[in-house]
Amino acid sequence: MSVISDFLSDPIVSAIGYFMTVVSGAIAIAQSIRSSNLTKEINNLKNEISVLQQVNADNIEIKEKVVQGEKSQYFKDNSGPISIDNRG
């Protein structure tokens, strides 16, 4: 135990310990600031995406709406309903 206490009481070891503590504290502060900035940027991008999606949804027009029982989407010249039954 005395070897460890002698080693830790050395002023050079203490100075290295304090230096490493200050450096790690500075790194932690920088990461915290960067994390909060990235969170704000993510929220801004999410808002921008939702606005663009709304604009796209407003601009899209459904040109041909096919409902079951109407003309076939493949035979546009057909004037009556088409029933395709493959059960037998």
N, C-alpha and C. Protein backbone atom coordinates (compact mmCIF):
# COMPACT_ATOMS: atom_id res chain seq x y z
N MET A 1 0.81 -1.19 0.00
CA MET A 1 0.00 0.00 0.00
C MET A 1 0.85 1.26 0.00
N SER A 2 1.98 1.18 0.64
CA SER A 2 2.82 2.37 0.72
C SER A 2 3.40 2.73 -0.65
N VAL A 3 3.60 1.72 -1.51
CA VAL A 3 4.12 1.99 -2.84
C VAL A 3 3.10 2.79 -3.64
N ILE A 4 1.84 2.39 -3.52
CA ILE A 4 0.78 3.10 -4.25
C ILE A 4 0.62 4.51 -3.71
N SER A 5 0.61 4.67 -2.41
CA SER A 5 0.45 6.01 -1.82
C SER A 5 1.66 6.89 -2.15
N ASP A 6 2.84 6.33 -2.17
CA ASP A 6 4.02 7.10 -2.57
C ASP A 6 3.93 7.52 -4.03
N PHE A 7 3.45 6.61 -4.88
CA PHE A 7 3.32 6.91 -6.30
C PHE A 7 2.29 8.03 -6.52
N LEU A 8 1.15 7.94 -5.83
CA LEU A 8 0.09 8.94 -6.01
C LEU A 8 0.44 10.29 -5.37
N SER A 9 1.31 10.29 -4.40
CA SER A 9 1.70 11.55 -3.76
C SER A 9 2.77 12.30 -4.55
N ASP A 10 3.31 11.68 -5.56
CA ASP A 10 4.31 12.32 -6.42
C ASP A 10 3.67 13.50 -7.14
N PRO A 11 4.29 14.69 -7.14
CA PRO A 11 3.68 15.88 -7.75
C PRO A 11 3.50 15.76 -9.27
N ILE A 12 4.35 15.01 -9.94
CA ILE A 12 4.21 14.84 -11.39
C ILE A 12 2.96 14.02 -11.71
N VAL A 13 2.74 12.96 -10.93
CA VAL A 13 1.56 12.13 -11.14
C VAL A 13 0.30 12.94 -10.85
N SER A 14 0.33 13.75 -9.81
CA SER A 14 -0.82 14.60 -9.49
C SER A 14 -1.08 15.60 -10.60
N ALA A 15 -0.02 16.20 -11.16
CA ALA A 15 -0.18 17.17 -12.24
C ALA A 15 -0.77 16.50 -13.48
N ILE A 16 -0.30 15.29 -13.80
CA ILE A 16 -0.84 14.55 -14.94
C ILE A 16 -2.32 14.24 -14.69
N GLY A 17 -2.66 13.86 -13.48
CA GLY A 17 -4.06 13.58 -13.13
C GLY A 17 -4.94 14.80 -13.29
N TYR A 18 -4.48 15.95 -12.80
CA TYR A 18 -5.26 17.18 -12.94
C TYR A 18 -5.40 17.56 -14.42
N PHE A 19 -4.32 17.43 -15.17
CA PHE A 19 -4.36 17.76 -16.59
C PHE A 19 -5.37 16.88 -17.33
N MET A 20 -5.33 15.58 -17.04
CA MET A 20 -6.27 14.66 -17.70
C MET A 20 -7.71 14.97 -17.28
N THR A 21 -7.93 15.39 -16.06
CA THR A 21 -9.27 15.75 -15.60
C THR A 21 -9.78 16.98 -16.35
N VAL A 22 -8.92 17.97 -16.52
CA VAL A 22 -9.33 19.18 -17.24
C VAL A 22 -9.62 18.87 -18.71
N VAL A 23 -8.76 18.07 -19.34
CA VAL A 23 -8.97 17.71 -20.74
C VAL A 23 -10.26 16.92 -20.91
N SER A 24 -10.51 15.94 -20.04
CA SER A 24 -11.74 15.15 -20.16
C SER A 24 -12.98 16.00 -19.89
N GLY A 25 -12.88 16.96 -18.98
CA GLY A 25 -14.00 17.88 -18.73
C GLY A 25 -14.28 18.74 -19.95
N ALA A 26 -13.23 19.23 -20.61
CA ALA A 26 -13.41 20.05 -21.81
C ALA A 26 -14.03 19.22 -22.93
N ILE A 27 -13.61 17.98 -23.06
CA ILE A 27 -14.19 17.11 -24.09
C ILE A 27 -15.67 16.86 -23.80
N ALA A 28 -16.01 16.62 -22.54
CA ALA A 28 -17.40 16.38 -22.18
C ALA A 28 -18.27 17.59 -22.46
N ILE A 29 -17.77 18.78 -22.17
CA ILE A 29 -18.53 20.01 -22.44
C ILE A 29 -18.73 20.19 -23.94
N ALA A 30 -17.66 19.97 -24.71
CA ALA A 30 -17.76 20.11 -26.17
C ALA A 30 -18.76 19.11 -26.75
N GLN A 31 -18.76 17.88 -26.28
CA GLN A 31 -19.70 16.88 -26.77
C GLN A 31 -21.14 17.23 -26.38
N SER A 32 -21.31 17.78 -25.20
CA SER A 32 -22.65 18.18 -24.77
C SER A 32 -23.20 19.30 -25.65
N ILE A 33 -22.36 20.29 -25.94
CA ILE A 33 -22.79 21.40 -26.79
C ILE A 33 -23.09 20.90 -28.20
N ARG A 34 -22.23 20.03 -28.72
CA ARG A 34 -22.44 19.50 -30.07
C ARG A 34 -23.72 18.66 -30.11
N SER A 35 -23.97 17.89 -29.08
CA SER A 35 -25.17 17.06 -29.02
C SER A 35 -26.43 17.92 -29.04
N SER A 36 -26.43 19.00 -28.28
CA SER A 36 -27.62 19.87 -28.25
C SER A 36 -27.80 20.56 -29.60
N ASN A 37 -26.70 20.95 -30.25
CA ASN A 37 -26.80 21.57 -31.58
C ASN A 37 -27.32 20.57 -32.60
N LEU A 38 -26.87 19.32 -32.52
CA LEU A 38 -27.34 18.30 -33.45
C LEU A 38 -28.82 18.00 -33.22
N THR A 39 -29.26 18.01 -31.98
CA THR A 39 -30.67 17.77 -31.68
C THR A 39 -31.53 18.89 -32.28
N LYS A 40 -31.07 20.12 -32.16
CA LYS A 40 -31.80 21.24 -32.76
C LYS A 40 -31.85 21.11 -34.28
N GLU A 41 -30.73 20.72 -34.87
CA GLU A 41 -30.66 20.55 -36.33
C GLU A 41 -31.59 19.43 -36.79
N ILE A 42 -31.64 18.33 -36.04
CA ILE A 42 -32.54 17.23 -36.37
C ILE A 42 -33.99 17.68 -36.33
N ASN A 43 -34.35 18.44 -35.31
CA ASN A 43 -35.72 18.93 -35.21
C ASN A 43 -36.05 19.87 -36.37
N ASN A 44 -35.11 20.73 -36.74
CA ASN A 44 -35.33 21.63 -37.88
C ASN A 44 -35.51 20.85 -39.17
N LEU A 45 -34.70 19.82 -39.37
CA LEU A 45 -34.81 19.00 -40.59
C LEU A 45 -36.12 18.23 -40.62
N LYS A 46 -36.57 17.72 -39.47
CA LYS A 46 -37.85 17.03 -39.41
C LYS A 46 -38.99 17.97 -39.78
N ASN A 47 -38.93 19.20 -39.27
CA ASN A 47 -39.96 20.19 -39.61
C ASN A 47 -39.93 20.51 -41.10
N GLU A 48 -38.75 20.66 -41.65
CA GLU A 48 -38.62 20.96 -43.08
C GLU A 48 -39.14 19.81 -43.93
N ILE A 49 -38.85 18.58 -43.52
CA ILE A 49 -39.35 17.42 -44.26
C ILE A 49 -40.87 17.36 -44.21
N SER A 50 -41.45 17.63 -43.06
CA SER A 50 -42.91 17.58 -42.97
C SER A 50 -43.56 18.67 -43.81
N VAL A 51 -42.93 19.84 -43.88
CA VAL A 51 -43.46 20.91 -44.73
C VAL A 51 -43.37 20.51 -46.20
N LEU A 52 -42.23 19.94 -46.60
CA LEU A 52 -42.07 19.51 -48.00
C LEU A 52 -43.04 18.39 -48.34
N GLN A 53 -43.29 17.47 -47.41
CA GLN A 53 -44.25 16.41 -47.67
C GLN A 53 -45.65 16.98 -47.85
N GLN A 54 -45.99 17.98 -47.05
CA GLN A 54 -47.31 18.60 -47.18
C GLN A 54 -47.43 19.32 -48.52
N VAL A 55 -46.37 20.00 -48.94
CA VAL A 55 -46.39 20.69 -50.23
C VAL A 55 -46.54 19.67 -51.36
N ASN A 56 -45.81 18.56 -51.27
CA ASN A 56 -45.92 17.52 -52.29
C ASN A 56 -47.31 16.92 -52.31
N ALA A 57 -47.89 16.70 -51.15
CA ALA A 57 -49.22 16.12 -51.08
C ALA A 57 -50.25 17.08 -51.69
N ASP A 58 -50.04 18.37 -51.50
CA ASP A 58 -50.96 19.35 -52.07
C ASP A 58 -50.82 19.44 -53.58
N ASN A 59 -49.62 19.17 -54.10
CA ASN A 59 -49.37 19.32 -55.53
C ASN A 59 -49.70 18.08 -56.35
N ILE A 60 -49.81 16.95 -55.68
CA ILE A 60 -50.07 15.71 -56.42
C ILE A 60 -51.55 15.64 -56.78
N GLU A 61 -51.82 15.41 -58.03
CA GLU A 61 -53.19 15.21 -58.48
C GLU A 61 -53.32 13.77 -58.94
N ILE A 62 -54.39 13.15 -58.53
CA ILE A 62 -54.64 11.78 -58.98
C ILE A 62 -55.31 11.88 -60.34
N LYS A 63 -54.57 11.51 -61.38
CA LYS A 63 -55.07 11.66 -62.74
C LYS A 63 -56.07 10.57 -63.10
N GLU A 64 -55.77 9.34 -62.74
CA GLU A 64 -56.66 8.24 -63.06
C GLU A 64 -56.90 7.45 -61.79
N LYS A 65 -58.11 7.48 -61.32
CA LYS A 65 -58.46 6.75 -60.12
C LYS A 65 -59.22 5.51 -60.54
N VAL A 66 -58.71 4.33 -60.20
CA VAL A 66 -59.33 3.07 -60.59
C VAL A 66 -60.03 2.49 -59.38
N VAL A 67 -61.32 2.25 -59.54
CA VAL A 67 -62.12 1.67 -58.48
C VAL A 67 -62.62 0.32 -58.99
N GLN A 68 -62.71 -0.64 -58.11
CA GLN A 68 -63.13 -1.97 -58.51
C GLN A 68 -64.53 -1.92 -59.13
N GLY A 69 -64.68 -2.57 -60.29
CA GLY A 69 -65.95 -2.59 -60.98
C GLY A 69 -66.03 -1.60 -62.11
N GLU A 70 -65.10 -0.69 -62.18
CA GLU A 70 -65.08 0.26 -63.28
C GLU A 70 -64.25 -0.32 -64.42
N LYS A 71 -63.94 0.52 -65.37
CA LYS A 71 -63.14 0.08 -66.51
C LYS A 71 -61.79 -0.45 -66.02
N SER A 72 -61.27 -1.39 -66.77
CA SER A 72 -59.98 -1.95 -66.43
C SER A 72 -58.89 -0.90 -66.60
N GLN A 73 -57.91 -0.92 -65.72
CA GLN A 73 -56.81 0.03 -65.83
C GLN A 73 -55.88 -0.35 -66.96
N TYR A 74 -56.01 -1.59 -67.46
CA TYR A 74 -55.13 -2.03 -68.54
C TYR A 74 -55.79 -1.84 -69.90
N PHE A 75 -57.10 -1.93 -69.96
CA PHE A 75 -57.83 -1.77 -71.21
C PHE A 75 -58.64 -0.50 -71.13
N LYS A 76 -58.05 0.61 -71.52
CA LYS A 76 -58.69 1.90 -71.35
C LYS A 76 -59.84 2.13 -72.31
N ASP A 77 -59.90 1.33 -73.40
CA ASP A 77 -60.98 1.49 -74.36
C ASP A 77 -62.21 0.68 -73.98
N ASN A 78 -62.12 -0.14 -72.98
CA ASN A 78 -63.25 -0.96 -72.56
C ASN A 78 -64.32 -0.07 -71.94
N SER A 79 -65.57 -0.32 -72.26
CA SER A 79 -66.62 0.54 -71.75
C SER A 79 -67.40 -0.10 -70.62
N GLY A 80 -67.16 -1.37 -70.31
CA GLY A 80 -67.93 -2.02 -69.27
C GLY A 80 -67.05 -2.58 -68.17
N PRO A 81 -67.67 -3.06 -67.10
CA PRO A 81 -66.88 -3.63 -66.01
C PRO A 81 -66.22 -4.94 -66.41
N ILE A 82 -65.12 -5.25 -65.82
CA ILE A 82 -64.38 -6.47 -66.12
C ILE A 82 -64.28 -7.26 -64.83
N SER A 83 -64.60 -8.54 -64.92
CA SER A 83 -64.49 -9.42 -63.77
C SER A 83 -63.47 -10.50 -64.10
N ILE A 84 -62.43 -10.58 -63.34
CA ILE A 84 -61.40 -11.59 -63.54
C ILE A 84 -61.49 -12.56 -62.38
N ASP A 85 -61.85 -13.80 -62.69
CA ASP A 85 -62.01 -14.81 -61.65
C ASP A 85 -61.11 -15.98 -61.99
N ASN A 86 -60.15 -16.27 -61.16
CA ASN A 86 -59.20 -17.34 -61.45
C ASN A 86 -59.37 -18.51 -60.48
N ARG A 87 -60.59 -18.74 -60.04
CA ARG A 87 -60.83 -19.81 -59.07
C ARG A 87 -61.19 -21.14 -59.73
N GLY A 88 -60.97 -21.34 -60.92
CA GLY A 88 -61.38 -22.63 -61.43
C GLY A 88 -61.04 -22.79 -62.82
